Amino acid sequence: MALLEPFIDTVIVCTMTALLLIITGQVTVGETISDAEGILMTSNALASGISWFPYVLTVAVILFAFSSMISWSYYGYQAWSYLFGRTKRIGNTYKIIFCLFTVIGSAATLGAVTNFSDAMVFAMMVPNMIGLVILAPKVVQELKRYKSAIKEEEL
């Protein structure tokens, strides 16, 4: 499931949106646009085919934003609890910080929110990459063990 969602979101939905924009003539290949312009262009492209479809897009975006907030809140809470413990006080501290950032994010510009989000994802990537490098020999060892177990089952 963890691999299916990024595939559907990144490969299928983003490709379909890009093709929609190109086919309807809303954007030309190589043109650089901002995030806000991209949203308006997608809405206009959908309206060119079905006049009421931008309303469907609006509902879909709201549901996507809400579900993203819930899932990122949960993932963040799990990481916070792992780092700082599972007491009620620590949990409430995380929830207050999350709610404060939600208010700040809703008041900030789209570009600032996107840049901050990208920076935080990059910040999460750094320790993960370090862990991957450190654990690479263990992964190779486990892969060899797995392959040998499969060969033994085949015999």
N, C-alpha and C. Protein backbone atom coordinates (compact mmCIF):
# COMPACT_ATOMS: atom_id res chain seq x y z
N MET A 1 0.82 -1.20 0.00
CA MET A 1 0.00 0.00 0.00
C MET A 1 0.86 1.26 0.00
N ALA A 2 1.99 1.20 0.69
CA ALA A 2 2.86 2.37 0.77
C ALA A 2 3.46 2.71 -0.59
N LEU A 3 3.59 1.74 -1.48
CA LEU A 3 4.11 2.01 -2.82
C LEU A 3 2.99 2.35 -3.80
N LEU A 4 1.80 1.88 -3.56
CA LEU A 4 0.70 2.09 -4.49
C LEU A 4 0.24 3.54 -4.52
N GLU A 5 0.11 4.17 -3.36
CA GLU A 5 -0.38 5.54 -3.30
C GLU A 5 0.53 6.52 -4.03
N PRO A 6 1.86 6.51 -3.80
CA PRO A 6 2.70 7.43 -4.57
C PRO A 6 2.66 7.16 -6.07
N PHE A 7 2.54 5.89 -6.45
CA PHE A 7 2.44 5.57 -7.88
C PHE A 7 1.18 6.16 -8.47
N ILE A 8 0.05 5.96 -7.82
CA ILE A 8 -1.22 6.49 -8.34
C ILE A 8 -1.18 8.02 -8.37
N ASP A 9 -0.71 8.63 -7.29
CA ASP A 9 -0.69 10.08 -7.19
C ASP A 9 0.29 10.69 -8.18
N THR A 10 1.51 10.19 -8.19
CA THR A 10 2.56 10.81 -8.99
C THR A 10 2.48 10.42 -10.46
N VAL A 11 2.41 9.16 -10.73
CA VAL A 11 2.47 8.71 -12.12
C VAL A 11 1.12 8.89 -12.82
N ILE A 12 0.07 8.37 -12.26
CA ILE A 12 -1.21 8.37 -12.96
C ILE A 12 -1.88 9.75 -12.93
N VAL A 13 -2.13 10.30 -11.74
CA VAL A 13 -2.86 11.56 -11.64
C VAL A 13 -2.07 12.72 -12.25
N CYS A 14 -0.78 12.81 -11.94
CA CYS A 14 0.01 13.91 -12.49
C CYS A 14 0.15 13.81 -14.01
N THR A 15 0.31 12.61 -14.53
CA THR A 15 0.40 12.43 -15.98
C THR A 15 -0.92 12.79 -16.64
N MET A 16 -2.03 12.35 -16.06
CA MET A 16 -3.34 12.69 -16.63
C MET A 16 -3.59 14.20 -16.60
N THR A 17 -3.18 14.86 -15.53
CA THR A 17 -3.36 16.31 -15.44
C THR A 17 -2.50 17.02 -16.48
N ALA A 18 -1.25 16.59 -16.63
CA ALA A 18 -0.37 17.19 -17.63
C ALA A 18 -0.92 17.01 -19.04
N LEU A 19 -1.39 15.80 -19.34
CA LEU A 19 -1.98 15.55 -20.66
C LEU A 19 -3.24 16.39 -20.88
N LEU A 20 -4.05 16.53 -19.84
CA LEU A 20 -5.25 17.35 -19.92
C LEU A 20 -4.90 18.79 -20.27
N LEU A 21 -3.88 19.34 -19.60
CA LEU A 21 -3.47 20.72 -19.85
C LEU A 21 -2.92 20.89 -21.25
N ILE A 22 -2.14 19.93 -21.71
CA ILE A 22 -1.55 20.02 -23.05
C ILE A 22 -2.61 19.85 -24.14
N ILE A 23 -3.47 18.85 -23.98
CA ILE A 23 -4.49 18.57 -25.00
C ILE A 23 -5.49 19.72 -25.14
N THR A 24 -5.87 20.34 -24.02
CA THR A 24 -6.85 21.43 -24.07
C THR A 24 -6.20 22.76 -24.44
N GLY A 25 -4.88 22.78 -24.58
CA GLY A 25 -4.19 24.00 -24.98
C GLY A 25 -4.02 25.01 -23.87
N GLN A 26 -4.19 24.60 -22.64
CA GLN A 26 -4.04 25.52 -21.51
C GLN A 26 -2.57 25.85 -21.24
N VAL A 27 -1.69 24.95 -21.63
CA VAL A 27 -0.27 25.15 -21.39
C VAL A 27 0.50 24.57 -22.58
N THR A 28 1.60 25.19 -22.88
CA THR A 28 2.46 24.65 -23.92
C THR A 28 3.67 23.99 -23.26
N VAL A 29 4.22 23.01 -23.93
CA VAL A 29 5.35 22.28 -23.37
C VAL A 29 6.52 23.24 -23.17
N GLY A 30 7.12 23.19 -22.00
CA GLY A 30 8.26 24.04 -21.68
C GLY A 30 7.90 25.33 -20.97
N GLU A 31 6.62 25.64 -20.88
CA GLU A 31 6.18 26.86 -20.21
C GLU A 31 6.29 26.69 -18.69
N THR A 32 6.79 27.70 -18.02
CA THR A 32 6.92 27.67 -16.56
C THR A 32 5.75 28.44 -15.95
N ILE A 33 5.08 27.80 -14.99
CA ILE A 33 3.93 28.42 -14.33
C ILE A 33 4.06 28.26 -12.83
N SER A 34 3.36 29.12 -12.09
CA SER A 34 3.36 29.01 -10.63
C SER A 34 2.32 27.99 -10.19
N ASP A 35 2.34 27.66 -8.90
CA ASP A 35 1.37 26.71 -8.36
C ASP A 35 -0.07 27.21 -8.52
N ALA A 36 -0.29 28.48 -8.21
CA ALA A 36 -1.63 29.05 -8.31
C ALA A 36 -2.11 29.06 -9.76
N GLU A 37 -1.22 29.39 -10.69
CA GLU A 37 -1.59 29.38 -12.12
C GLU A 37 -1.93 27.97 -12.57
N GLY A 38 -1.22 26.99 -12.05
CA GLY A 38 -1.49 25.60 -12.40
C GLY A 38 -2.87 25.16 -11.97
N ILE A 39 -3.29 25.60 -10.81
CA ILE A 39 -4.62 25.25 -10.31
C ILE A 39 -5.69 25.86 -11.21
N LEU A 40 -5.52 27.13 -11.55
CA LEU A 40 -6.49 27.80 -12.42
C LEU A 40 -6.50 27.19 -13.82
N MET A 41 -5.33 26.84 -14.33
CA MET A 41 -5.26 26.24 -15.65
C MET A 41 -5.96 24.89 -15.68
N THR A 42 -5.78 24.10 -14.63
CA THR A 42 -6.44 22.80 -14.55
C THR A 42 -7.95 22.98 -14.50
N SER A 43 -8.41 23.93 -13.71
CA SER A 43 -9.85 24.20 -13.61
C SER A 43 -10.39 24.64 -14.97
N ASN A 44 -9.69 25.52 -15.67
CA ASN A 44 -10.13 25.98 -16.99
C ASN A 44 -10.12 24.85 -18.01
N ALA A 45 -9.13 23.97 -17.92
CA ALA A 45 -9.06 22.85 -18.85
C ALA A 45 -10.24 21.91 -18.64
N LEU A 46 -10.58 21.66 -17.40
CA LEU A 46 -11.72 20.80 -17.11
C LEU A 46 -13.02 21.46 -17.55
N ALA A 47 -13.13 22.78 -17.37
CA ALA A 47 -14.34 23.50 -17.76
C ALA A 47 -14.53 23.52 -19.26
N SER A 48 -13.43 23.41 -20.00
CA SER A 48 -13.56 23.43 -21.46
C SER A 48 -14.26 22.18 -21.99
N GLY A 49 -14.23 21.11 -21.22
CA GLY A 49 -14.91 19.88 -21.62
C GLY A 49 -16.28 19.74 -21.01
N ILE A 50 -16.38 19.96 -19.72
CA ILE A 50 -17.64 19.85 -18.99
C ILE A 50 -17.74 21.08 -18.10
N SER A 51 -18.74 21.89 -18.32
CA SER A 51 -18.81 23.20 -17.65
C SER A 51 -18.83 23.12 -16.13
N TRP A 52 -19.43 22.09 -15.56
CA TRP A 52 -19.55 21.98 -14.10
C TRP A 52 -18.41 21.21 -13.46
N PHE A 53 -17.46 20.72 -14.25
CA PHE A 53 -16.40 19.88 -13.69
C PHE A 53 -15.45 20.61 -12.74
N PRO A 54 -15.23 21.93 -12.87
CA PRO A 54 -14.41 22.61 -11.86
C PRO A 54 -14.94 22.47 -10.44
N TYR A 55 -16.27 22.32 -10.30
CA TYR A 55 -16.84 22.12 -8.96
C TYR A 55 -16.44 20.75 -8.41
N VAL A 56 -16.40 19.76 -9.28
CA VAL A 56 -15.93 18.43 -8.88
C VAL A 56 -14.46 18.51 -8.46
N LEU A 57 -13.68 19.26 -9.24
CA LEU A 57 -12.27 19.45 -8.91
C LEU A 57 -12.11 20.13 -7.55
N THR A 58 -12.94 21.13 -7.28
CA THR A 58 -12.88 21.83 -6.00
C THR A 58 -13.15 20.87 -4.84
N VAL A 59 -14.17 20.06 -4.97
CA VAL A 59 -14.50 19.08 -3.91
C VAL A 59 -13.35 18.08 -3.76
N ALA A 60 -12.80 17.62 -4.87
CA ALA A 60 -11.70 16.65 -4.82
C ALA A 60 -10.47 17.25 -4.14
N VAL A 61 -10.17 18.51 -4.44
CA VAL A 61 -9.01 19.17 -3.82
C VAL A 61 -9.23 19.35 -2.33
N ILE A 62 -10.43 19.73 -1.93
CA ILE A 62 -10.73 19.89 -0.50
C ILE A 62 -10.59 18.55 0.22
N LEU A 63 -11.14 17.50 -0.35
CA LEU A 63 -11.02 16.16 0.26
C LEU A 63 -9.57 15.70 0.32
N PHE A 64 -8.82 15.97 -0.76
CA PHE A 64 -7.40 15.61 -0.77
C PHE A 64 -6.63 16.36 0.31
N ALA A 65 -6.90 17.66 0.42
CA ALA A 65 -6.20 18.46 1.43
C ALA A 65 -6.53 17.97 2.84
N PHE A 66 -7.80 17.70 3.08
CA PHE A 66 -8.21 17.24 4.41
C PHE A 66 -7.61 15.87 4.73
N SER A 67 -7.66 14.95 3.78
CA SER A 67 -7.08 13.62 4.04
C SER A 67 -5.57 13.70 4.20
N SER A 68 -4.92 14.60 3.47
CA SER A 68 -3.48 14.78 3.62
C SER A 68 -3.14 15.32 5.01
N MET A 69 -3.95 16.27 5.49
CA MET A 69 -3.71 16.80 6.84
C MET A 69 -3.85 15.71 7.89
N ILE A 70 -4.86 14.86 7.75
CA ILE A 70 -5.07 13.79 8.71
C ILE A 70 -3.90 12.80 8.68
N SER A 71 -3.51 12.38 7.48
CA SER A 71 -2.44 11.37 7.39
C SER A 71 -1.09 11.94 7.84
N TRP A 72 -0.76 13.17 7.43
CA TRP A 72 0.51 13.76 7.87
C TRP A 72 0.49 14.01 9.38
N SER A 73 -0.66 14.36 9.91
CA SER A 73 -0.77 14.53 11.36
C SER A 73 -0.47 13.21 12.07
N TYR A 74 -1.05 12.13 11.55
CA TYR A 74 -0.83 10.81 12.16
C TYR A 74 0.63 10.39 12.06
N TYR A 75 1.22 10.52 10.86
CA TYR A 75 2.62 10.14 10.69
C TYR A 75 3.54 10.98 11.58
N GLY A 76 3.24 12.28 11.64
CA GLY A 76 4.04 13.16 12.49
C GLY A 76 3.91 12.80 13.96
N TYR A 77 2.69 12.48 14.38
CA TYR A 77 2.47 12.10 15.77
C TYR A 77 3.23 10.82 16.13
N GLN A 78 3.23 9.86 15.22
CA GLN A 78 3.95 8.61 15.47
C GLN A 78 5.45 8.86 15.61
N ALA A 79 6.00 9.69 14.73
CA ALA A 79 7.43 10.02 14.82
C ALA A 79 7.72 10.81 16.10
N TRP A 80 6.88 11.77 16.42
CA TRP A 80 7.03 12.58 17.64
C TRP A 80 7.00 11.68 18.88
N SER A 81 6.06 10.75 18.91
CA SER A 81 5.93 9.84 20.05
C SER A 81 7.14 8.93 20.17
N TYR A 82 7.66 8.50 19.04
CA TYR A 82 8.85 7.65 19.06
C TYR A 82 10.06 8.41 19.61
N LEU A 83 10.18 9.68 19.20
CA LEU A 83 11.33 10.47 19.64
C LEU A 83 11.21 10.95 21.08
N PHE A 84 10.00 11.34 21.51
CA PHE A 84 9.86 11.99 22.80
C PHE A 84 9.05 11.21 23.83
N GLY A 85 8.49 10.08 23.46
CA GLY A 85 7.72 9.27 24.40
C GLY A 85 6.23 9.41 24.15
N ARG A 86 5.47 8.54 24.84
CA ARG A 86 4.02 8.50 24.62
C ARG A 86 3.25 8.95 25.85
N THR A 87 3.60 10.09 26.38
CA THR A 87 2.81 10.61 27.49
C THR A 87 1.74 11.56 26.95
N LYS A 88 0.74 11.80 27.76
CA LYS A 88 -0.36 12.67 27.34
C LYS A 88 0.14 14.09 27.10
N ARG A 89 1.03 14.56 27.95
CA ARG A 89 1.56 15.93 27.82
C ARG A 89 2.33 16.09 26.52
N ILE A 90 3.15 15.12 26.19
CA ILE A 90 3.94 15.18 24.95
C ILE A 90 3.02 15.09 23.74
N GLY A 91 2.01 14.25 23.81
CA GLY A 91 1.04 14.14 22.72
C GLY A 91 0.27 15.43 22.50
N ASN A 92 -0.16 16.06 23.58
CA ASN A 92 -0.88 17.33 23.47
C ASN A 92 0.02 18.44 22.94
N THR A 93 1.29 18.40 23.31
CA THR A 93 2.25 19.39 22.78
C THR A 93 2.33 19.27 21.27
N TYR A 94 2.43 18.05 20.76
CA TYR A 94 2.48 17.85 19.31
C TYR A 94 1.21 18.37 18.66
N LYS A 95 0.06 18.06 19.23
CA LYS A 95 -1.21 18.47 18.64
C LYS A 95 -1.34 19.99 18.59
N ILE A 96 -0.86 20.67 19.63
CA ILE A 96 -0.89 22.14 19.65
C ILE A 96 0.03 22.69 18.56
N ILE A 97 1.23 22.14 18.44
CA ILE A 97 2.17 22.59 17.41
C ILE A 97 1.57 22.36 16.02
N PHE A 98 0.97 21.18 15.82
CA PHE A 98 0.38 20.88 14.52
C PHE A 98 -0.74 21.87 14.19
N CYS A 99 -1.59 22.14 15.16
CA CYS A 99 -2.70 23.08 14.93
C CYS A 99 -2.18 24.49 14.66
N LEU A 100 -1.13 24.91 15.37
CA LEU A 100 -0.54 26.23 15.11
C LEU A 100 0.00 26.31 13.69
N PHE A 101 0.70 25.27 13.24
CA PHE A 101 1.23 25.28 11.87
C PHE A 101 0.10 25.22 10.84
N THR A 102 -1.02 24.59 11.18
CA THR A 102 -2.17 24.57 10.28
C THR A 102 -2.72 25.98 10.11
N VAL A 103 -2.83 26.73 11.20
CA VAL A 103 -3.31 28.11 11.13
C VAL A 103 -2.31 28.98 10.37
N ILE A 104 -1.03 28.83 10.67
CA ILE A 104 -0.01 29.61 9.96
C ILE A 104 -0.03 29.28 8.47
N GLY A 105 -0.15 28.00 8.15
CA GLY A 105 -0.17 27.58 6.75
C GLY A 105 -1.37 28.11 6.00
N SER A 106 -2.51 28.21 6.67
CA SER A 106 -3.71 28.72 5.99
C SER A 106 -3.63 30.23 5.79
N ALA A 107 -2.83 30.91 6.59
CA ALA A 107 -2.69 32.36 6.46
C ALA A 107 -1.54 32.75 5.53
N ALA A 108 -0.63 31.82 5.27
CA ALA A 108 0.55 32.12 4.45
C ALA A 108 0.21 31.99 2.97
N THR A 109 1.12 32.44 2.14
CA THR A 109 0.92 32.31 0.70
C THR A 109 1.16 30.87 0.27
N LEU A 110 0.60 30.51 -0.87
CA LEU A 110 0.76 29.16 -1.40
C LEU A 110 2.23 28.83 -1.64
N GLY A 111 2.97 29.78 -2.16
CA GLY A 111 4.40 29.55 -2.42
C GLY A 111 5.18 29.29 -1.14
N ALA A 112 4.88 30.04 -0.08
CA ALA A 112 5.57 29.84 1.19
C ALA A 112 5.26 28.47 1.78
N VAL A 113 4.00 28.07 1.69
CA VAL A 113 3.60 26.75 2.21
C VAL A 113 4.28 25.64 1.42
N THR A 114 4.29 25.77 0.10
CA THR A 114 4.92 24.76 -0.74
C THR A 114 6.42 24.68 -0.47
N ASN A 115 7.08 25.82 -0.37
CA ASN A 115 8.52 25.83 -0.09
C ASN A 115 8.83 25.22 1.27
N PHE A 116 8.04 25.57 2.28
CA PHE A 116 8.25 25.00 3.61
C PHE A 116 8.03 23.49 3.61
N SER A 117 6.97 23.06 2.93
CA SER A 117 6.68 21.63 2.84
C SER A 117 7.82 20.88 2.14
N ASP A 118 8.31 21.44 1.05
CA ASP A 118 9.44 20.81 0.35
C ASP A 118 10.69 20.75 1.23
N ALA A 119 10.93 21.80 1.99
CA ALA A 119 12.08 21.83 2.89
C ALA A 119 11.97 20.76 3.98
N MET A 120 10.77 20.57 4.51
CA MET A 120 10.57 19.57 5.55
C MET A 120 10.71 18.15 5.01
N VAL A 121 10.22 17.93 3.79
CA VAL A 121 10.38 16.61 3.18
C VAL A 121 11.87 16.34 2.94
N PHE A 122 12.61 17.36 2.50
CA PHE A 122 14.06 17.22 2.32
C PHE A 122 14.73 16.93 3.66
N ALA A 123 14.28 17.62 4.72
CA ALA A 123 14.87 17.40 6.05
C ALA A 123 14.63 15.97 6.52
N MET A 124 13.48 15.38 6.16
CA MET A 124 13.22 13.98 6.52
C MET A 124 14.06 13.03 5.68
N MET A 125 14.37 13.44 4.45
CA MET A 125 15.12 12.58 3.55
C MET A 125 16.57 12.40 4.02
N VAL A 126 17.16 13.42 4.59
CA VAL A 126 18.58 13.36 4.97
C VAL A 126 18.87 12.22 5.94
N PRO A 127 18.19 12.12 7.10
CA PRO A 127 18.50 10.99 7.99
C PRO A 127 18.14 9.63 7.38
N ASN A 128 17.11 9.61 6.50
CA ASN A 128 16.77 8.36 5.84
C ASN A 128 17.89 7.90 4.91
N MET A 129 18.46 8.83 4.17
CA MET A 129 19.57 8.47 3.27
C MET A 129 20.79 8.00 4.06
N ILE A 130 21.07 8.67 5.17
CA ILE A 130 22.18 8.25 6.02
C ILE A 130 21.93 6.83 6.54
N GLY A 131 20.71 6.57 6.97
CA GLY A 131 20.35 5.24 7.44
C GLY A 131 20.47 4.19 6.34
N LEU A 132 20.07 4.54 5.12
CA LEU A 132 20.20 3.60 4.00
C LEU A 132 21.65 3.25 3.72
N VAL A 133 22.51 4.25 3.77
CA VAL A 133 23.94 3.99 3.52
C VAL A 133 24.52 3.12 4.62
N ILE A 134 24.18 3.42 5.86
CA ILE A 134 24.70 2.65 6.99
C ILE A 134 24.18 1.21 6.96
N LEU A 135 22.90 1.04 6.61
CA LEU A 135 22.29 -0.28 6.64
C LEU A 135 22.42 -1.06 5.33
N ALA A 136 23.06 -0.49 4.32
CA ALA A 136 23.19 -1.17 3.02
C ALA A 136 23.83 -2.56 3.15
N PRO A 137 24.91 -2.72 3.93
CA PRO A 137 25.48 -4.07 4.06
C PRO A 137 24.50 -5.07 4.67
N LYS A 138 23.71 -4.63 5.62
CA LYS A 138 22.71 -5.51 6.24
C LYS A 138 21.63 -5.89 5.22
N VAL A 139 21.23 -4.95 4.38
CA VAL A 139 20.24 -5.23 3.35
C VAL A 139 20.77 -6.25 2.36
N VAL A 140 22.02 -6.10 1.96
CA VAL A 140 22.64 -7.06 1.03
C VAL A 140 22.69 -8.45 1.68
N GLN A 141 23.05 -8.51 2.95
CA GLN A 141 23.11 -9.77 3.68
C GLN A 141 21.73 -10.42 3.74
N GLU A 142 20.71 -9.65 4.05
CA GLU A 142 19.35 -10.19 4.13
C GLU A 142 18.84 -10.62 2.76
N LEU A 143 19.22 -9.89 1.71
CA LEU A 143 18.82 -10.26 0.36
C LEU A 143 19.44 -11.60 -0.04
N LYS A 144 20.71 -11.78 0.29
CA LYS A 144 21.37 -13.06 -0.01
C LYS A 144 20.70 -14.20 0.75
N ARG A 145 20.38 -13.95 2.03
CA ARG A 145 19.71 -14.96 2.83
C ARG A 145 18.35 -15.31 2.24
N TYR A 146 17.61 -14.30 1.80
CA TYR A 146 16.29 -14.50 1.20
C TYR A 146 16.40 -15.31 -0.09
N LYS A 147 17.36 -14.94 -0.94
CA LYS A 147 17.54 -15.66 -2.21
C LYS A 147 17.93 -17.12 -1.98
N SER A 148 18.79 -17.37 -0.99
CA SER A 148 19.18 -18.74 -0.71
C SER A 148 17.99 -19.55 -0.16
N ALA A 149 17.14 -18.91 0.63
CA ALA A 149 15.95 -19.59 1.15
C ALA A 149 14.99 -19.94 0.01
N ILE A 150 14.87 -19.06 -0.98
CA ILE A 150 14.02 -19.35 -2.12
C ILE A 150 14.58 -20.51 -2.93
N LYS A 151 15.90 -20.52 -3.12
CA LYS A 151 16.55 -21.62 -3.88
C LYS A 151 16.35 -22.96 -3.18
N GLU A 152 16.42 -22.96 -1.85
CA GLU A 152 16.22 -24.18 -1.09
C GLU A 152 14.79 -24.68 -1.22
N GLU A 153 13.81 -23.77 -1.28
CA GLU A 153 12.41 -24.16 -1.43
C GLU A 153 12.16 -24.75 -2.81
N GLU A 154 12.87 -24.25 -3.82
CA GLU A 154 12.69 -24.75 -5.18
C GLU A 154 13.21 -26.19 -5.33
N LEU A 155 14.20 -26.54 -4.53
CA LEU A 155 14.78 -27.88 -4.65
C LEU A 155 13.93 -28.89 -3.97
